[in-house]
Amino acid sequence: MEIKFLVEDITCTGCAMDMENIMLDMDGVEEASVNYADGEFVIEYNPEEIEEKNITKKVKSLGFKTKLDTEQN
């Protein structure tokens, strides 16, 4: 499954890479991709291994202004 967040205050590729690596360390997260130019953070995960609410909680703990993209497909 896929979940997308909008990130308001990410400004560099280093921060984007840190966010990706932190999320990839979580069991059940299969892919994490930040596009800091567009402010999008897309995470692919296995719902049998991790719940969406745990991903959301972790993303919010990273220290950036984020919100769930409610217009995702």
N, C-alpha and C. Protein backbone atom coordinates (compact mmCIF):
# COMPACT_ATOMS: atom_id res chain seq x y z
N MET A 1 0.84 -1.17 0.00
CA MET A 1 0.00 0.00 0.00
C MET A 1 0.88 1.24 0.00
N GLU A 2 0.29 2.35 -0.32
CA GLU A 2 1.02 3.61 -0.41
C GLU A 2 0.31 4.68 0.40
N ILE A 3 1.12 5.51 1.04
CA ILE A 3 0.60 6.66 1.77
C ILE A 3 1.46 7.86 1.38
N LYS A 4 0.81 9.02 1.21
CA LYS A 4 1.55 10.20 0.78
C LYS A 4 1.32 11.33 1.78
N PHE A 5 2.42 12.02 2.09
CA PHE A 5 2.38 13.18 2.97
C PHE A 5 2.85 14.40 2.20
N LEU A 6 2.36 15.55 2.61
CA LEU A 6 2.85 16.82 2.11
C LEU A 6 3.76 17.39 3.18
N VAL A 7 4.97 17.78 2.80
CA VAL A 7 5.96 18.31 3.73
C VAL A 7 6.16 19.78 3.39
N GLU A 8 5.93 20.66 4.37
CA GLU A 8 5.95 22.09 4.11
C GLU A 8 7.33 22.73 4.22
N ASP A 9 8.20 22.22 5.06
CA ASP A 9 9.42 22.96 5.35
C ASP A 9 10.72 22.21 5.12
N ILE A 10 10.72 21.27 4.22
CA ILE A 10 11.95 20.56 3.89
C ILE A 10 12.64 21.33 2.76
N THR A 11 13.95 21.59 2.93
CA THR A 11 14.62 22.49 2.01
C THR A 11 15.86 21.91 1.34
N CYS A 12 16.28 20.70 1.71
CA CYS A 12 17.51 20.19 1.11
C CYS A 12 17.45 18.68 0.91
N THR A 13 18.30 18.20 0.02
CA THR A 13 18.33 16.77 -0.27
C THR A 13 18.85 15.96 0.92
N GLY A 14 19.72 16.55 1.72
CA GLY A 14 20.23 15.84 2.91
C GLY A 14 19.12 15.51 3.88
N CYS A 15 18.24 16.48 4.11
CA CYS A 15 17.10 16.24 5.00
C CYS A 15 16.17 15.18 4.41
N ALA A 16 15.98 15.25 3.10
CA ALA A 16 15.12 14.27 2.43
C ALA A 16 15.69 12.87 2.58
N MET A 17 17.00 12.74 2.41
CA MET A 17 17.63 11.42 2.54
C MET A 17 17.53 10.91 3.98
N ASP A 18 17.68 11.79 4.95
CA ASP A 18 17.54 11.39 6.36
C ASP A 18 16.13 10.86 6.62
N MET A 19 15.12 11.57 6.11
CA MET A 19 13.74 11.14 6.29
C MET A 19 13.52 9.77 5.68
N GLU A 20 14.01 9.57 4.48
CA GLU A 20 13.85 8.28 3.80
C GLU A 20 14.50 7.16 4.60
N ASN A 21 15.73 7.38 5.04
CA ASN A 21 16.46 6.34 5.77
C ASN A 21 15.81 5.99 7.10
N ILE A 22 15.30 6.98 7.80
CA ILE A 22 14.62 6.73 9.08
C ILE A 22 13.39 5.87 8.85
N MET A 23 12.63 6.19 7.82
CA MET A 23 11.41 5.42 7.55
C MET A 23 11.75 4.00 7.07
N LEU A 24 12.80 3.87 6.28
CA LEU A 24 13.18 2.55 5.77
C LEU A 24 13.66 1.62 6.88
N ASP A 25 14.06 2.17 8.01
CA ASP A 25 14.47 1.36 9.15
C ASP A 25 13.28 0.71 9.87
N MET A 26 12.07 1.17 9.57
CA MET A 26 10.88 0.62 10.21
C MET A 26 10.48 -0.69 9.54
N ASP A 27 10.18 -1.70 10.34
CA ASP A 27 9.68 -2.96 9.80
C ASP A 27 8.37 -2.71 9.07
N GLY A 28 8.26 -3.25 7.87
CA GLY A 28 7.04 -3.12 7.09
C GLY A 28 7.10 -2.01 6.06
N VAL A 29 8.04 -1.06 6.20
CA VAL A 29 8.18 0.00 5.20
C VAL A 29 9.08 -0.54 4.10
N GLU A 30 8.54 -0.57 2.89
CA GLU A 30 9.24 -1.16 1.76
C GLU A 30 9.97 -0.12 0.91
N GLU A 31 9.43 1.10 0.86
CA GLU A 31 10.05 2.15 0.07
C GLU A 31 9.65 3.49 0.65
N ALA A 32 10.57 4.45 0.62
CA ALA A 32 10.29 5.80 1.09
C ALA A 32 10.98 6.77 0.14
N SER A 33 10.23 7.75 -0.34
CA SER A 33 10.78 8.68 -1.32
C SER A 33 10.30 10.09 -1.02
N VAL A 34 11.26 11.00 -0.86
CA VAL A 34 10.94 12.40 -0.62
C VAL A 34 11.32 13.20 -1.85
N ASN A 35 10.40 14.01 -2.32
CA ASN A 35 10.69 14.99 -3.36
C ASN A 35 10.60 16.34 -2.68
N TYR A 36 11.75 16.87 -2.24
CA TYR A 36 11.71 18.10 -1.47
C TYR A 36 11.28 19.30 -2.32
N ALA A 37 11.52 19.26 -3.61
CA ALA A 37 11.10 20.37 -4.48
C ALA A 37 9.58 20.48 -4.55
N ASP A 38 8.91 19.33 -4.56
CA ASP A 38 7.44 19.31 -4.62
C ASP A 38 6.80 19.19 -3.24
N GLY A 39 7.61 18.91 -2.23
CA GLY A 39 7.09 18.76 -0.88
C GLY A 39 6.28 17.50 -0.69
N GLU A 40 6.63 16.43 -1.39
CA GLU A 40 5.90 15.15 -1.27
C GLU A 40 6.78 14.09 -0.63
N PHE A 41 6.18 13.31 0.23
CA PHE A 41 6.85 12.20 0.90
C PHE A 41 5.96 10.98 0.71
N VAL A 42 6.40 10.04 -0.11
CA VAL A 42 5.60 8.86 -0.45
C VAL A 42 6.24 7.63 0.20
N ILE A 43 5.41 6.86 0.88
CA ILE A 43 5.88 5.67 1.58
C ILE A 43 5.06 4.48 1.12
N GLU A 44 5.75 3.43 0.69
CA GLU A 44 5.09 2.16 0.36
C GLU A 44 5.34 1.21 1.52
N TYR A 45 4.29 0.52 1.93
CA TYR A 45 4.40 -0.34 3.10
C TYR A 45 3.53 -1.58 2.98
N ASN A 46 3.83 -2.56 3.82
CA ASN A 46 3.07 -3.79 3.89
C ASN A 46 2.11 -3.67 5.08
N PRO A 47 0.81 -3.57 4.84
CA PRO A 47 -0.15 -3.38 5.93
C PRO A 47 -0.25 -4.59 6.87
N GLU A 48 0.31 -5.71 6.46
CA GLU A 48 0.32 -6.87 7.35
C GLU A 48 1.43 -6.76 8.39
N GLU A 49 2.40 -5.86 8.15
CA GLU A 49 3.53 -5.71 9.05
C GLU A 49 3.51 -4.41 9.85
N ILE A 50 2.85 -3.38 9.32
CA ILE A 50 2.82 -2.10 10.01
C ILE A 50 1.50 -1.39 9.70
N GLU A 51 0.97 -0.69 10.69
CA GLU A 51 -0.29 0.04 10.51
C GLU A 51 0.00 1.46 10.03
N GLU A 52 -0.92 1.98 9.24
CA GLU A 52 -0.77 3.34 8.72
C GLU A 52 -0.61 4.36 9.84
N LYS A 53 -1.31 4.17 10.94
CA LYS A 53 -1.23 5.14 12.05
C LYS A 53 0.18 5.18 12.64
N ASN A 54 0.92 4.07 12.62
CA ASN A 54 2.29 4.07 13.12
C ASN A 54 3.23 4.80 12.17
N ILE A 55 2.97 4.71 10.89
CA ILE A 55 3.75 5.46 9.91
C ILE A 55 3.51 6.95 10.09
N THR A 56 2.25 7.33 10.22
CA THR A 56 1.89 8.73 10.41
C THR A 56 2.54 9.29 11.66
N LYS A 57 2.50 8.54 12.74
CA LYS A 57 3.11 8.98 14.00
C LYS A 57 4.61 9.19 13.83
N LYS A 58 5.29 8.28 13.15
CA LYS A 58 6.73 8.39 12.94
C LYS A 58 7.06 9.60 12.06
N VAL A 59 6.30 9.80 10.99
CA VAL A 59 6.54 10.93 10.11
C VAL A 59 6.41 12.24 10.88
N LYS A 60 5.39 12.35 11.71
CA LYS A 60 5.19 13.57 12.49
C LYS A 60 6.32 13.78 13.49
N SER A 61 6.95 12.71 13.95
CA SER A 61 8.04 12.83 14.93
C SER A 61 9.35 13.30 14.31
N LEU A 62 9.43 13.37 12.98
CA LEU A 62 10.67 13.74 12.31
C LEU A 62 10.99 15.23 12.42
N GLY A 63 10.03 16.03 12.86
CA GLY A 63 10.29 17.44 13.10
C GLY A 63 9.96 18.38 11.95
N PHE A 64 9.33 17.88 10.92
CA PHE A 64 8.92 18.73 9.81
C PHE A 64 7.41 18.91 9.86
N LYS A 65 6.94 20.01 9.28
CA LYS A 65 5.50 20.23 9.18
C LYS A 65 4.97 19.32 8.08
N THR A 66 4.19 18.35 8.47
CA THR A 66 3.65 17.40 7.48
C THR A 66 2.16 17.24 7.68
N LYS A 67 1.52 16.84 6.61
CA LYS A 67 0.10 16.47 6.71
C LYS A 67 -0.16 15.38 5.69
N LEU A 68 -1.09 14.53 6.01
CA LEU A 68 -1.49 13.47 5.12
C LEU A 68 -2.12 14.06 3.88
N ASP A 69 -1.72 13.58 2.71
CA ASP A 69 -2.30 14.04 1.46
C ASP A 69 -3.63 13.34 1.27
N THR A 70 -4.70 14.06 1.50
CA THR A 70 -6.04 13.46 1.42
C THR A 70 -6.53 13.31 -0.01
N GLU A 71 -5.78 13.82 -0.98
CA GLU A 71 -6.15 13.69 -2.38
C GLU A 71 -5.37 12.60 -3.09
N GLN A 72 -4.70 11.72 -2.31
CA GLN A 72 -3.92 10.66 -2.93
C GLN A 72 -4.83 9.62 -3.55
N ASN A 73 -4.30 8.91 -4.52
CA ASN A 73 -5.09 7.89 -5.23
C ASN A 73 -5.20 6.63 -4.42
